[in-house]
N, C-alpha and C. Protein backbone atom coordinates (compact mmCIF):
# COMPACT_ATOMS: atom_id res chain seq x y z
N UNK A 1 15.08 18.86 29.23
CA UNK A 1 15.58 18.68 27.87
C UNK A 1 14.89 19.66 26.93
N UNK A 2 15.69 20.36 26.14
CA UNK A 2 15.14 21.36 25.22
C UNK A 2 14.25 20.72 24.17
N UNK A 3 13.33 21.54 23.66
CA UNK A 3 12.48 21.05 22.59
C UNK A 3 13.32 20.70 21.36
N UNK A 4 13.04 19.57 20.71
CA UNK A 4 13.86 19.16 19.57
C UNK A 4 13.54 19.98 18.32
N UNK A 5 14.52 20.10 17.46
CA UNK A 5 14.28 20.67 16.14
C UNK A 5 13.30 19.77 15.41
N UNK A 6 12.32 20.37 14.78
CA UNK A 6 11.29 19.57 14.08
C UNK A 6 11.87 18.96 12.81
N UNK A 7 12.00 17.64 12.81
CA UNK A 7 12.56 16.93 11.66
C UNK A 7 11.50 16.28 10.78
N UNK A 8 10.24 16.41 11.20
CA UNK A 8 9.16 15.74 10.46
C UNK A 8 9.12 16.22 9.01
N UNK A 9 9.08 15.25 8.10
CA UNK A 9 9.00 15.56 6.68
C UNK A 9 10.35 15.69 6.01
N UNK A 10 11.44 15.60 6.79
CA UNK A 10 12.78 15.69 6.20
C UNK A 10 13.31 14.29 5.91
N UNK A 11 14.42 14.24 5.20
CA UNK A 11 15.01 12.97 4.81
C UNK A 11 16.47 12.91 5.22
N UNK A 12 16.92 11.72 5.55
CA UNK A 12 18.34 11.47 5.83
C UNK A 12 18.70 10.17 5.12
N UNK A 13 19.42 10.31 4.02
CA UNK A 13 19.74 9.13 3.23
C UNK A 13 18.47 8.49 2.70
N UNK A 14 18.25 7.24 3.07
CA UNK A 14 17.06 6.51 2.63
C UNK A 14 15.92 6.62 3.64
N UNK A 15 16.09 7.42 4.69
CA UNK A 15 15.10 7.53 5.75
C UNK A 15 14.23 8.76 5.57
N UNK A 16 12.89 8.58 5.65
CA UNK A 16 11.94 9.68 5.68
C UNK A 16 11.44 9.79 7.11
N UNK A 17 11.59 10.95 7.72
CA UNK A 17 11.24 11.13 9.13
C UNK A 17 9.76 11.50 9.22
N UNK A 18 9.01 10.57 9.83
CA UNK A 18 7.55 10.67 9.82
C UNK A 18 6.99 11.41 11.03
N UNK A 19 7.54 11.12 12.24
CA UNK A 19 6.93 11.69 13.45
C UNK A 19 7.89 11.61 14.63
N UNK A 20 7.68 12.50 15.61
CA UNK A 20 8.39 12.41 16.88
C UNK A 20 7.81 11.24 17.66
N UNK A 21 8.67 10.38 18.18
CA UNK A 21 8.19 9.15 18.82
C UNK A 21 8.52 9.09 20.31
N UNK A 22 8.85 10.24 20.92
CA UNK A 22 9.14 10.25 22.35
C UNK A 22 10.62 10.51 22.60
N UNK A 23 11.08 10.09 23.78
CA UNK A 23 12.49 10.27 24.11
C UNK A 23 12.91 9.21 25.12
N UNK A 24 14.21 8.98 25.20
CA UNK A 24 14.76 8.07 26.19
C UNK A 24 16.06 8.67 26.70
N UNK A 25 16.90 7.85 27.32
CA UNK A 25 18.12 8.36 27.92
C UNK A 25 19.07 8.96 26.90
N UNK A 26 18.91 8.58 25.63
CA UNK A 26 19.79 9.09 24.59
C UNK A 26 19.30 10.41 24.02
N UNK A 27 18.04 10.74 24.27
CA UNK A 27 17.48 11.96 23.72
C UNK A 27 16.17 11.69 23.00
N UNK A 28 15.81 12.58 22.09
CA UNK A 28 14.55 12.45 21.37
C UNK A 28 14.63 11.33 20.33
N UNK A 29 13.48 10.71 20.11
CA UNK A 29 13.38 9.59 19.18
C UNK A 29 12.44 9.97 18.04
N UNK A 30 12.75 9.47 16.85
CA UNK A 30 11.95 9.79 15.66
C UNK A 30 11.54 8.53 14.94
N UNK A 31 10.26 8.50 14.56
CA UNK A 31 9.76 7.38 13.75
C UNK A 31 10.13 7.64 12.29
N UNK A 32 10.86 6.70 11.69
CA UNK A 32 11.36 6.88 10.33
C UNK A 32 10.89 5.74 9.42
N UNK A 33 10.67 6.08 8.16
CA UNK A 33 10.32 5.08 7.15
C UNK A 33 11.49 4.97 6.18
N UNK A 34 12.04 3.77 6.05
CA UNK A 34 13.15 3.54 5.14
C UNK A 34 12.62 3.32 3.73
N UNK A 35 13.46 3.57 2.74
CA UNK A 35 13.04 3.37 1.36
C UNK A 35 12.74 1.91 1.05
N UNK A 36 13.23 0.99 1.90
CA UNK A 36 12.92 -0.43 1.70
C UNK A 36 11.53 -0.77 2.22
N UNK A 37 10.87 0.19 2.92
CA UNK A 37 9.53 -0.03 3.43
C UNK A 37 9.46 -0.25 4.93
N UNK A 38 10.58 -0.54 5.58
CA UNK A 38 10.58 -0.78 7.01
C UNK A 38 10.42 0.52 7.80
N UNK A 39 9.75 0.42 8.96
CA UNK A 39 9.60 1.55 9.87
C UNK A 39 10.44 1.28 11.11
N UNK A 40 11.15 2.30 11.58
CA UNK A 40 12.01 2.13 12.74
C UNK A 40 12.09 3.43 13.53
N UNK A 41 12.14 3.31 14.86
CA UNK A 41 12.34 4.47 15.73
C UNK A 41 13.84 4.65 15.94
N UNK A 42 14.35 5.88 15.65
CA UNK A 42 15.79 6.14 15.65
C UNK A 42 16.09 7.36 16.50
N UNK A 43 17.13 7.30 17.36
CA UNK A 43 17.52 8.46 18.18
C UNK A 43 17.96 9.63 17.30
N UNK A 44 17.70 10.84 17.79
CA UNK A 44 18.04 12.03 17.01
C UNK A 44 19.53 12.14 16.75
N UNK A 45 20.36 11.74 17.73
CA UNK A 45 21.80 11.89 17.50
C UNK A 45 22.28 11.00 16.37
N UNK A 46 21.59 9.88 16.13
CA UNK A 46 21.96 9.00 15.03
C UNK A 46 21.58 9.60 13.68
N UNK A 47 20.60 10.50 13.71
CA UNK A 47 20.18 11.15 12.47
C UNK A 47 21.00 12.42 12.20
N UNK A 48 21.47 13.06 13.27
CA UNK A 48 22.16 14.34 13.14
C UNK A 48 23.63 14.19 12.77
N UNK A 49 24.24 13.10 13.21
CA UNK A 49 25.67 12.92 12.96
C UNK A 49 25.96 12.72 11.47
N UNK A 50 27.10 13.25 11.01
CA UNK A 50 27.49 13.05 9.62
C UNK A 50 27.71 11.58 9.30
N UNK A 51 28.09 10.82 10.32
CA UNK A 51 28.31 9.39 10.14
C UNK A 51 27.13 8.58 10.68
N UNK A 52 26.00 9.26 10.88
CA UNK A 52 24.83 8.61 11.46
C UNK A 52 24.12 7.69 10.48
N UNK A 53 22.94 7.23 10.90
CA UNK A 53 22.18 6.26 10.11
C UNK A 53 21.63 6.91 8.84
N UNK A 54 21.70 6.18 7.75
CA UNK A 54 21.09 6.63 6.50
C UNK A 54 20.07 5.61 6.00
N UNK A 55 19.90 4.50 6.75
CA UNK A 55 18.90 3.49 6.40
C UNK A 55 18.56 2.72 7.67
N UNK A 56 17.55 1.83 7.58
CA UNK A 56 17.11 1.10 8.76
C UNK A 56 18.09 -0.04 9.09
N UNK A 57 17.88 -0.65 10.27
CA UNK A 57 18.76 -1.74 10.69
C UNK A 57 18.70 -2.92 9.73
N UNK A 58 17.51 -3.16 9.14
CA UNK A 58 17.38 -4.28 8.22
C UNK A 58 18.31 -4.11 7.03
N UNK A 59 18.35 -2.89 6.48
CA UNK A 59 19.24 -2.63 5.35
C UNK A 59 20.70 -2.64 5.79
N UNK A 60 20.97 -2.06 6.97
CA UNK A 60 22.34 -2.02 7.48
C UNK A 60 22.90 -3.42 7.66
N UNK A 61 22.10 -4.30 8.28
CA UNK A 61 22.55 -5.67 8.51
C UNK A 61 22.70 -6.44 7.22
N UNK A 62 21.79 -6.20 6.30
CA UNK A 62 21.84 -6.95 5.05
C UNK A 62 23.06 -6.57 4.21
N UNK A 63 23.52 -5.32 4.38
CA UNK A 63 24.68 -4.88 3.61
C UNK A 63 25.96 -5.59 4.05
N UNK A 64 25.92 -6.22 5.23
CA UNK A 64 27.10 -6.92 5.71
C UNK A 64 27.36 -8.19 4.89
N UNK A 65 26.40 -8.59 4.09
CA UNK A 65 26.57 -9.75 3.23
C UNK A 65 26.09 -9.46 1.83
N UNK A 66 26.98 -9.50 0.86
CA UNK A 66 26.64 -9.33 -0.55
C UNK A 66 25.93 -8.01 -0.83
N UNK A 67 26.30 -6.98 -0.07
CA UNK A 67 25.74 -5.64 -0.25
C UNK A 67 24.24 -5.60 -0.05
N UNK A 68 23.68 -6.62 0.60
CA UNK A 68 22.25 -6.60 0.92
C UNK A 68 21.41 -7.35 -0.08
N UNK A 69 20.56 -8.23 0.42
CA UNK A 69 19.69 -9.01 -0.45
C UNK A 69 18.77 -8.13 -1.26
N UNK A 70 18.10 -7.18 -0.57
CA UNK A 70 17.16 -6.31 -1.27
C UNK A 70 17.88 -5.56 -2.39
N UNK A 71 19.02 -4.98 -2.03
CA UNK A 71 19.70 -4.13 -2.98
C UNK A 71 20.48 -4.93 -4.02
N UNK A 72 20.71 -6.20 -3.74
CA UNK A 72 21.33 -7.06 -4.72
C UNK A 72 20.42 -7.36 -5.89
N UNK A 73 19.12 -7.05 -5.73
CA UNK A 73 18.14 -7.30 -6.79
C UNK A 73 17.85 -6.04 -7.61
N UNK A 74 18.62 -5.00 -7.43
CA UNK A 74 18.32 -3.75 -8.11
C UNK A 74 18.36 -3.86 -9.63
N UNK A 75 19.08 -4.83 -10.16
CA UNK A 75 19.15 -4.98 -11.61
C UNK A 75 18.08 -5.94 -12.14
N UNK A 76 17.30 -6.55 -11.25
CA UNK A 76 16.24 -7.47 -11.69
C UNK A 76 15.14 -6.65 -12.38
N UNK A 77 14.58 -7.15 -13.48
CA UNK A 77 13.56 -6.37 -14.21
C UNK A 77 12.30 -6.09 -13.40
N UNK A 78 12.08 -6.83 -12.29
CA UNK A 78 10.89 -6.59 -11.47
C UNK A 78 11.19 -5.68 -10.28
N UNK A 79 12.43 -5.21 -10.17
CA UNK A 79 12.79 -4.39 -9.00
C UNK A 79 11.94 -3.13 -8.91
N UNK A 80 11.76 -2.43 -10.04
CA UNK A 80 11.00 -1.18 -10.02
C UNK A 80 9.54 -1.43 -9.67
N UNK A 81 9.01 -2.59 -10.06
CA UNK A 81 7.64 -2.94 -9.69
C UNK A 81 7.53 -3.05 -8.17
N UNK A 82 8.49 -3.74 -7.56
CA UNK A 82 8.51 -3.90 -6.11
C UNK A 82 8.71 -2.56 -5.40
N UNK A 83 9.66 -1.76 -5.87
CA UNK A 83 9.92 -0.47 -5.24
C UNK A 83 8.72 0.45 -5.37
N UNK A 84 8.08 0.45 -6.55
CA UNK A 84 6.91 1.30 -6.74
C UNK A 84 5.79 0.94 -5.78
N UNK A 85 5.60 -0.35 -5.57
CA UNK A 85 4.57 -0.83 -4.64
C UNK A 85 4.85 -0.34 -3.23
N UNK A 86 6.11 -0.46 -2.79
CA UNK A 86 6.50 -0.01 -1.46
C UNK A 86 6.32 1.50 -1.32
N UNK A 87 6.78 2.24 -2.31
CA UNK A 87 6.74 3.70 -2.24
C UNK A 87 5.31 4.22 -2.20
N UNK A 88 4.41 3.65 -3.02
CA UNK A 88 3.01 4.11 -3.03
C UNK A 88 2.36 3.94 -1.67
N UNK A 89 2.78 2.92 -0.95
CA UNK A 89 2.12 2.60 0.32
C UNK A 89 2.77 3.23 1.54
N UNK A 90 4.07 3.56 1.46
CA UNK A 90 4.77 3.97 2.68
C UNK A 90 5.57 5.27 2.58
N UNK A 91 5.70 5.85 1.42
CA UNK A 91 6.52 7.05 1.31
C UNK A 91 5.64 8.25 0.91
N UNK A 92 5.33 9.12 1.89
CA UNK A 92 4.39 10.22 1.66
C UNK A 92 4.74 11.17 0.53
N UNK A 93 6.00 11.27 0.16
CA UNK A 93 6.38 12.19 -0.90
C UNK A 93 6.22 11.58 -2.30
N UNK A 94 5.80 10.33 -2.36
CA UNK A 94 5.65 9.66 -3.65
C UNK A 94 4.34 10.06 -4.32
N UNK A 95 4.39 10.31 -5.63
CA UNK A 95 3.17 10.58 -6.38
C UNK A 95 2.23 9.39 -6.25
N UNK A 96 0.98 9.65 -5.91
CA UNK A 96 0.01 8.58 -5.76
C UNK A 96 -0.12 8.05 -4.34
N UNK A 97 0.75 8.51 -3.43
CA UNK A 97 0.68 8.01 -2.04
C UNK A 97 -0.71 8.24 -1.44
N UNK A 98 -1.34 9.38 -1.75
CA UNK A 98 -2.64 9.68 -1.16
C UNK A 98 -3.70 8.66 -1.54
N UNK A 99 -3.51 7.96 -2.66
CA UNK A 99 -4.48 6.95 -3.09
C UNK A 99 -4.15 5.55 -2.57
N UNK A 100 -3.05 5.44 -1.86
CA UNK A 100 -2.62 4.14 -1.34
C UNK A 100 -2.36 4.25 0.16
N UNK A 101 -1.13 4.54 0.55
CA UNK A 101 -0.82 4.64 1.97
C UNK A 101 -1.49 5.80 2.67
N UNK A 102 -1.88 6.81 1.92
CA UNK A 102 -2.49 7.99 2.52
C UNK A 102 -4.00 7.94 2.63
N UNK A 103 -4.62 6.83 2.25
CA UNK A 103 -6.07 6.69 2.36
C UNK A 103 -6.50 6.58 3.82
N UNK A 104 -7.79 6.80 4.07
CA UNK A 104 -8.32 6.68 5.43
C UNK A 104 -8.05 5.28 5.99
N UNK A 105 -8.28 4.27 5.16
CA UNK A 105 -7.86 2.90 5.49
C UNK A 105 -6.72 2.59 4.52
N UNK A 106 -5.48 2.69 4.97
CA UNK A 106 -4.34 2.62 4.05
C UNK A 106 -4.22 1.27 3.33
N UNK A 107 -3.76 1.34 2.09
CA UNK A 107 -3.35 0.14 1.37
C UNK A 107 -1.95 -0.21 1.86
N UNK A 108 -1.72 -1.45 2.22
CA UNK A 108 -0.43 -1.87 2.75
C UNK A 108 0.15 -2.99 1.90
N UNK A 109 1.38 -3.35 2.21
CA UNK A 109 2.06 -4.47 1.57
C UNK A 109 2.29 -5.53 2.65
N UNK A 110 1.97 -6.76 2.36
CA UNK A 110 2.14 -7.82 3.36
C UNK A 110 3.61 -7.89 3.78
N UNK A 111 3.84 -8.33 5.03
CA UNK A 111 5.21 -8.39 5.56
C UNK A 111 6.12 -9.26 4.69
N UNK A 112 5.56 -10.34 4.16
CA UNK A 112 6.36 -11.26 3.35
C UNK A 112 7.01 -10.55 2.17
N UNK A 113 6.24 -9.69 1.49
CA UNK A 113 6.77 -8.96 0.32
C UNK A 113 7.52 -7.72 0.73
N UNK A 114 7.02 -7.05 1.73
CA UNK A 114 7.64 -5.79 2.14
C UNK A 114 9.06 -6.01 2.64
N UNK A 115 9.27 -7.10 3.34
CA UNK A 115 10.57 -7.36 3.96
C UNK A 115 11.52 -8.14 3.05
N UNK A 116 11.01 -8.70 1.95
CA UNK A 116 11.87 -9.53 1.11
C UNK A 116 11.45 -9.45 -0.35
N UNK A 117 12.26 -8.77 -1.15
CA UNK A 117 11.99 -8.75 -2.58
C UNK A 117 12.13 -10.15 -3.16
N UNK A 118 12.94 -10.98 -2.53
CA UNK A 118 13.10 -12.35 -3.02
C UNK A 118 11.78 -13.10 -2.97
N UNK A 119 11.01 -12.93 -1.88
CA UNK A 119 9.69 -13.58 -1.77
C UNK A 119 8.75 -13.06 -2.85
N UNK A 120 8.84 -11.75 -3.11
CA UNK A 120 8.00 -11.16 -4.14
C UNK A 120 8.33 -11.73 -5.51
N UNK A 121 9.62 -11.88 -5.82
CA UNK A 121 10.03 -12.40 -7.12
C UNK A 121 9.66 -13.88 -7.26
N UNK A 122 9.73 -14.63 -6.18
CA UNK A 122 9.30 -16.03 -6.22
C UNK A 122 7.82 -16.11 -6.59
N UNK A 123 7.01 -15.23 -5.99
CA UNK A 123 5.58 -15.20 -6.33
C UNK A 123 5.39 -14.83 -7.80
N UNK A 124 6.13 -13.84 -8.27
CA UNK A 124 6.02 -13.45 -9.68
C UNK A 124 6.33 -14.62 -10.60
N UNK A 125 7.40 -15.33 -10.30
CA UNK A 125 7.79 -16.47 -11.13
C UNK A 125 6.72 -17.55 -11.13
N UNK A 126 6.15 -17.81 -9.98
CA UNK A 126 5.08 -18.82 -9.89
C UNK A 126 3.83 -18.39 -10.64
N UNK A 127 3.66 -17.07 -10.78
CA UNK A 127 2.49 -16.53 -11.50
C UNK A 127 2.78 -16.31 -12.98
N UNK A 128 3.95 -16.80 -13.45
CA UNK A 128 4.35 -16.68 -14.86
C UNK A 128 4.53 -15.24 -15.30
N UNK A 129 5.16 -14.45 -14.44
CA UNK A 129 5.44 -13.06 -14.77
C UNK A 129 6.45 -12.96 -15.91
N UNK A 130 6.29 -11.92 -16.71
CA UNK A 130 7.27 -11.56 -17.73
C UNK A 130 7.22 -10.05 -17.89
N UNK A 131 8.31 -9.44 -18.38
CA UNK A 131 8.32 -7.99 -18.56
C UNK A 131 7.12 -7.52 -19.37
N UNK A 132 6.47 -6.48 -18.92
CA UNK A 132 5.28 -5.97 -19.58
C UNK A 132 4.01 -6.23 -18.79
N UNK A 133 4.06 -7.23 -17.89
CA UNK A 133 2.90 -7.50 -17.03
C UNK A 133 2.98 -6.64 -15.78
N UNK A 134 1.81 -6.26 -15.27
CA UNK A 134 1.73 -5.42 -14.08
C UNK A 134 1.01 -6.15 -12.96
N UNK A 135 1.33 -5.80 -11.73
CA UNK A 135 0.65 -6.39 -10.58
C UNK A 135 -0.65 -5.62 -10.34
N UNK A 136 -1.72 -6.36 -10.08
CA UNK A 136 -3.03 -5.76 -9.90
C UNK A 136 -3.70 -6.36 -8.67
N UNK A 137 -4.32 -5.52 -7.84
CA UNK A 137 -5.05 -6.01 -6.69
C UNK A 137 -6.47 -6.41 -7.11
N UNK A 138 -6.87 -7.61 -6.77
CA UNK A 138 -8.20 -8.11 -7.12
C UNK A 138 -9.27 -7.27 -6.44
N UNK A 139 -9.10 -7.05 -5.14
CA UNK A 139 -9.96 -6.14 -4.38
C UNK A 139 -9.23 -4.82 -4.27
N UNK A 140 -9.73 -3.78 -4.93
CA UNK A 140 -9.02 -2.51 -4.95
C UNK A 140 -8.88 -1.86 -3.59
N UNK A 141 -9.65 -2.33 -2.62
CA UNK A 141 -9.54 -1.79 -1.26
C UNK A 141 -8.71 -2.70 -0.37
N UNK A 142 -8.15 -3.76 -0.95
CA UNK A 142 -7.33 -4.70 -0.19
C UNK A 142 -5.85 -4.42 -0.35
N UNK A 143 -5.06 -5.15 0.39
CA UNK A 143 -3.62 -4.93 0.41
C UNK A 143 -2.91 -5.68 -0.71
N UNK A 144 -1.63 -5.37 -0.86
CA UNK A 144 -0.77 -6.14 -1.76
C UNK A 144 -0.31 -7.40 -1.02
N UNK A 145 -0.78 -8.55 -1.45
CA UNK A 145 -0.40 -9.82 -0.86
C UNK A 145 -0.71 -10.91 -1.88
N UNK A 146 -0.14 -12.10 -1.73
CA UNK A 146 -0.37 -13.15 -2.73
C UNK A 146 -1.84 -13.47 -2.96
N UNK A 147 -2.64 -13.42 -1.90
CA UNK A 147 -4.05 -13.79 -2.02
C UNK A 147 -4.88 -12.75 -2.74
N UNK A 148 -4.39 -11.51 -2.83
CA UNK A 148 -5.20 -10.44 -3.41
C UNK A 148 -4.59 -9.85 -4.67
N UNK A 149 -3.60 -10.52 -5.24
CA UNK A 149 -2.93 -9.96 -6.41
C UNK A 149 -2.91 -10.93 -7.58
N UNK A 150 -2.90 -10.36 -8.75
CA UNK A 150 -2.78 -11.13 -9.98
C UNK A 150 -1.95 -10.29 -10.96
N UNK A 151 -1.63 -10.87 -12.10
CA UNK A 151 -0.85 -10.16 -13.11
C UNK A 151 -1.73 -9.85 -14.31
N UNK A 152 -1.63 -8.63 -14.82
CA UNK A 152 -2.43 -8.20 -15.96
C UNK A 152 -1.56 -7.37 -16.89
N UNK A 153 -2.02 -7.19 -18.11
CA UNK A 153 -1.33 -6.29 -19.03
C UNK A 153 -1.66 -4.85 -18.66
N UNK A 154 -0.89 -3.93 -19.18
CA UNK A 154 -1.12 -2.52 -18.90
C UNK A 154 -2.51 -2.08 -19.35
N UNK A 155 -2.94 -2.55 -20.53
CA UNK A 155 -4.26 -2.16 -21.04
C UNK A 155 -5.38 -2.71 -20.17
N UNK A 156 -5.21 -3.95 -19.66
CA UNK A 156 -6.21 -4.53 -18.77
C UNK A 156 -6.29 -3.74 -17.47
N UNK A 157 -5.14 -3.31 -16.97
CA UNK A 157 -5.11 -2.55 -15.73
C UNK A 157 -5.80 -1.21 -15.89
N UNK A 158 -5.54 -0.54 -17.02
CA UNK A 158 -6.20 0.74 -17.30
C UNK A 158 -7.70 0.57 -17.44
N UNK A 159 -8.11 -0.50 -18.12
CA UNK A 159 -9.54 -0.75 -18.32
C UNK A 159 -10.22 -1.01 -16.99
N UNK A 160 -9.56 -1.74 -16.11
CA UNK A 160 -10.15 -2.01 -14.80
C UNK A 160 -10.33 -0.73 -14.00
N UNK A 161 -9.31 0.15 -14.06
CA UNK A 161 -9.42 1.40 -13.31
C UNK A 161 -10.56 2.25 -13.84
N UNK A 162 -10.76 2.25 -15.18
CA UNK A 162 -11.85 3.04 -15.75
C UNK A 162 -13.21 2.46 -15.37
N UNK A 163 -13.28 1.13 -15.25
CA UNK A 163 -14.56 0.47 -15.02
C UNK A 163 -14.93 0.36 -13.54
N UNK A 164 -14.02 0.69 -12.65
CA UNK A 164 -14.33 0.62 -11.23
C UNK A 164 -15.39 1.66 -10.89
N UNK A 165 -16.47 1.21 -10.28
CA UNK A 165 -17.58 2.12 -9.96
C UNK A 165 -17.54 2.47 -8.48
N UNK A 166 -17.63 3.76 -8.19
CA UNK A 166 -17.59 4.21 -6.81
C UNK A 166 -18.95 4.77 -6.41
N UNK A 167 -19.33 4.51 -5.16
CA UNK A 167 -20.59 5.04 -4.63
C UNK A 167 -20.32 5.62 -3.25
N UNK A 168 -21.23 6.47 -2.80
CA UNK A 168 -21.09 7.09 -1.49
C UNK A 168 -22.23 6.65 -0.59
N UNK A 169 -21.87 6.13 0.57
CA UNK A 169 -22.84 5.73 1.59
C UNK A 169 -22.44 6.43 2.87
N UNK A 170 -23.31 7.31 3.37
CA UNK A 170 -22.94 8.12 4.52
C UNK A 170 -21.80 9.05 4.13
N UNK A 171 -20.69 8.96 4.84
CA UNK A 171 -19.54 9.81 4.54
C UNK A 171 -18.43 9.05 3.83
N UNK A 172 -18.70 7.78 3.46
CA UNK A 172 -17.70 6.95 2.81
C UNK A 172 -17.92 6.90 1.30
N UNK A 173 -16.87 7.08 0.54
CA UNK A 173 -16.91 6.88 -0.91
C UNK A 173 -15.92 5.77 -1.23
N UNK A 174 -16.45 4.63 -1.65
CA UNK A 174 -15.62 3.45 -1.93
C UNK A 174 -16.18 2.74 -3.16
N UNK A 175 -15.48 1.70 -3.59
CA UNK A 175 -15.94 0.92 -4.73
C UNK A 175 -17.15 0.08 -4.35
N UNK A 176 -17.93 -0.30 -5.37
CA UNK A 176 -19.08 -1.18 -5.13
C UNK A 176 -18.61 -2.49 -4.49
N UNK A 177 -17.48 -3.01 -4.96
CA UNK A 177 -16.96 -4.27 -4.42
C UNK A 177 -16.70 -4.15 -2.92
N UNK A 178 -16.16 -3.01 -2.50
CA UNK A 178 -15.87 -2.79 -1.07
C UNK A 178 -17.15 -2.83 -0.26
N UNK A 179 -18.18 -2.07 -0.70
CA UNK A 179 -19.43 -2.02 0.06
C UNK A 179 -20.17 -3.36 0.02
N UNK A 180 -20.11 -4.06 -1.12
CA UNK A 180 -20.78 -5.35 -1.21
C UNK A 180 -20.21 -6.33 -0.18
N UNK A 181 -18.89 -6.30 -0.03
CA UNK A 181 -18.26 -7.17 0.97
C UNK A 181 -18.62 -6.72 2.38
N UNK A 182 -18.63 -5.41 2.60
CA UNK A 182 -18.94 -4.87 3.93
C UNK A 182 -20.36 -5.22 4.36
N UNK A 183 -21.31 -5.16 3.41
CA UNK A 183 -22.71 -5.42 3.74
C UNK A 183 -23.12 -6.87 3.46
N UNK A 184 -22.14 -7.68 3.04
CA UNK A 184 -22.39 -9.10 2.80
C UNK A 184 -23.54 -9.31 1.81
N UNK A 185 -23.41 -8.70 0.63
CA UNK A 185 -24.43 -8.83 -0.41
C UNK A 185 -23.72 -9.05 -1.74
N UNK A 186 -24.37 -9.78 -2.63
CA UNK A 186 -23.80 -10.06 -3.95
C UNK A 186 -23.58 -8.75 -4.71
N UNK A 187 -22.36 -8.49 -5.13
CA UNK A 187 -22.07 -7.21 -5.77
C UNK A 187 -22.79 -7.07 -7.10
N UNK A 188 -23.05 -8.20 -7.79
CA UNK A 188 -23.75 -8.11 -9.07
C UNK A 188 -25.21 -7.70 -8.88
N UNK A 189 -25.79 -8.09 -7.74
CA UNK A 189 -27.13 -7.63 -7.40
C UNK A 189 -27.10 -6.12 -7.14
N UNK A 190 -26.06 -5.65 -6.48
CA UNK A 190 -25.92 -4.22 -6.21
C UNK A 190 -25.79 -3.45 -7.53
N UNK A 191 -24.94 -3.95 -8.45
CA UNK A 191 -24.80 -3.30 -9.76
C UNK A 191 -26.15 -3.22 -10.47
N UNK A 192 -26.89 -4.33 -10.43
CA UNK A 192 -28.18 -4.38 -11.11
C UNK A 192 -29.14 -3.34 -10.53
N UNK A 193 -29.16 -3.24 -9.23
CA UNK A 193 -30.05 -2.28 -8.58
C UNK A 193 -29.64 -0.84 -8.90
N UNK A 194 -28.34 -0.58 -8.84
CA UNK A 194 -27.87 0.77 -9.15
C UNK A 194 -28.21 1.16 -10.58
N UNK A 195 -28.05 0.22 -11.51
CA UNK A 195 -28.35 0.49 -12.92
C UNK A 195 -29.84 0.74 -13.13
N UNK A 196 -30.67 0.27 -12.21
CA UNK A 196 -32.11 0.49 -12.32
C UNK A 196 -32.57 1.69 -11.51
N UNK A 197 -31.61 2.45 -11.00
CA UNK A 197 -31.95 3.71 -10.35
C UNK A 197 -32.06 3.69 -8.85
N UNK A 198 -31.72 2.58 -8.21
CA UNK A 198 -31.77 2.54 -6.75
C UNK A 198 -30.71 3.47 -6.17
N UNK A 199 -31.01 4.04 -4.99
CA UNK A 199 -29.96 4.79 -4.32
C UNK A 199 -29.00 3.80 -3.66
N UNK A 200 -27.75 4.17 -3.47
CA UNK A 200 -26.74 3.22 -2.99
C UNK A 200 -27.10 2.53 -1.68
N UNK A 201 -27.64 3.28 -0.71
CA UNK A 201 -27.92 2.66 0.59
C UNK A 201 -28.98 1.57 0.46
N UNK A 202 -30.05 1.85 -0.30
CA UNK A 202 -31.08 0.83 -0.49
C UNK A 202 -30.52 -0.36 -1.26
N UNK A 203 -29.71 -0.09 -2.27
CA UNK A 203 -29.14 -1.17 -3.08
C UNK A 203 -28.32 -2.13 -2.24
N UNK A 204 -27.74 -1.61 -1.17
CA UNK A 204 -26.89 -2.44 -0.32
C UNK A 204 -27.62 -3.11 0.82
N UNK A 205 -28.70 -2.49 1.30
CA UNK A 205 -29.29 -2.95 2.56
C UNK A 205 -30.64 -3.66 2.44
N UNK A 206 -31.40 -3.38 1.37
CA UNK A 206 -32.71 -4.02 1.27
C UNK A 206 -32.55 -5.49 0.85
N UNK A 207 -33.31 -6.39 1.47
CA UNK A 207 -33.18 -7.81 1.12
C UNK A 207 -33.64 -8.09 -0.29
N UNK A 208 -33.11 -9.16 -0.86
CA UNK A 208 -33.48 -9.56 -2.21
C UNK A 208 -34.89 -10.12 -2.20
N UNK A 209 -35.70 -9.70 -3.17
CA UNK A 209 -37.07 -10.19 -3.31
C UNK A 209 -37.20 -10.77 -4.71
N UNK A 210 -37.04 -12.07 -4.80
CA UNK A 210 -37.06 -12.71 -6.11
C UNK A 210 -38.46 -12.77 -6.71
N UNK A 211 -39.45 -12.42 -5.93
CA UNK A 211 -40.81 -12.52 -6.42
C UNK A 211 -41.25 -11.31 -7.20
N UNK A 212 -40.39 -10.28 -7.28
CA UNK A 212 -40.77 -9.10 -8.04
C UNK A 212 -39.60 -8.59 -8.84
N UNK A 213 -39.91 -7.83 -9.85
CA UNK A 213 -38.87 -7.26 -10.68
C UNK A 213 -38.11 -6.20 -9.91
N UNK A 214 -36.80 -6.17 -10.04
CA UNK A 214 -36.01 -5.17 -9.35
C UNK A 214 -36.25 -3.81 -9.99
N UNK A 215 -36.90 -2.94 -9.26
CA UNK A 215 -37.12 -1.59 -9.74
C UNK A 215 -37.29 -0.71 -8.52
N UNK A 216 -36.98 0.51 -8.72
CA UNK A 216 -37.03 1.40 -7.56
C UNK A 216 -37.42 2.79 -8.01
C-alpha cells in the first residue's frame, strides 16, 4: 500500500485531523477531533470523498433527531461558553490551546460535559448561572468538571489570573496550589515561606517547625 498523503493538521468539515492511526482492510486510518470535542478514528476514503464524513458519529447520529441535541442548543446563551471550553482543550488551532489542551499535562473536559451540552447547562442552572458569569476552575491545573468548577464574574476571573503565583521546581513551572497538592503541604504555609525568601524547593519539602519563626 502506497504511503498516504499527509493529512495531519488539515480540516474536513467539523473534523480536525490530528494523526495517522494505522491502517486496516479499508486503507489508512486517521485520528480526528470533531468540533463537538469527540475523538474518532476515520478511514481515509471517508475523508477524501466529496460525500464523506464532515463530523463524528456522535454528531451524525444526533442529527437524525431534531438536528442533534448538541447543535439544537446553539441559540442558548451558554452555548459559546461550552464551545469555548471544548475548543481550548481539544482544538489545536484555537487561540489559547497551548495553555489548556496543549500543556504537558493537558487540561481536559469531563466526559459528562464534553459529550452533552445538556448536562453542562443543567450544572449551570443548578449553580445559578446568568449571562455575564464565567466558568472558573478552582484548581487551575485541574480539569473542567462539576467538582472543580465554579461561576465568577469577569473581573473576579481576571483578578484570579493576575494573582496566581507560579514557581519552578526542577524543570516544572506550575502554580503554588499545584505543587502544594503534589507535595501534600498547606499552600498557605508555602506562600508564607516564599514571602519570607525561601527557595521554592525548601518551601515545599522542609517540615513545619512551629517552635521557631519561619525565616530562611
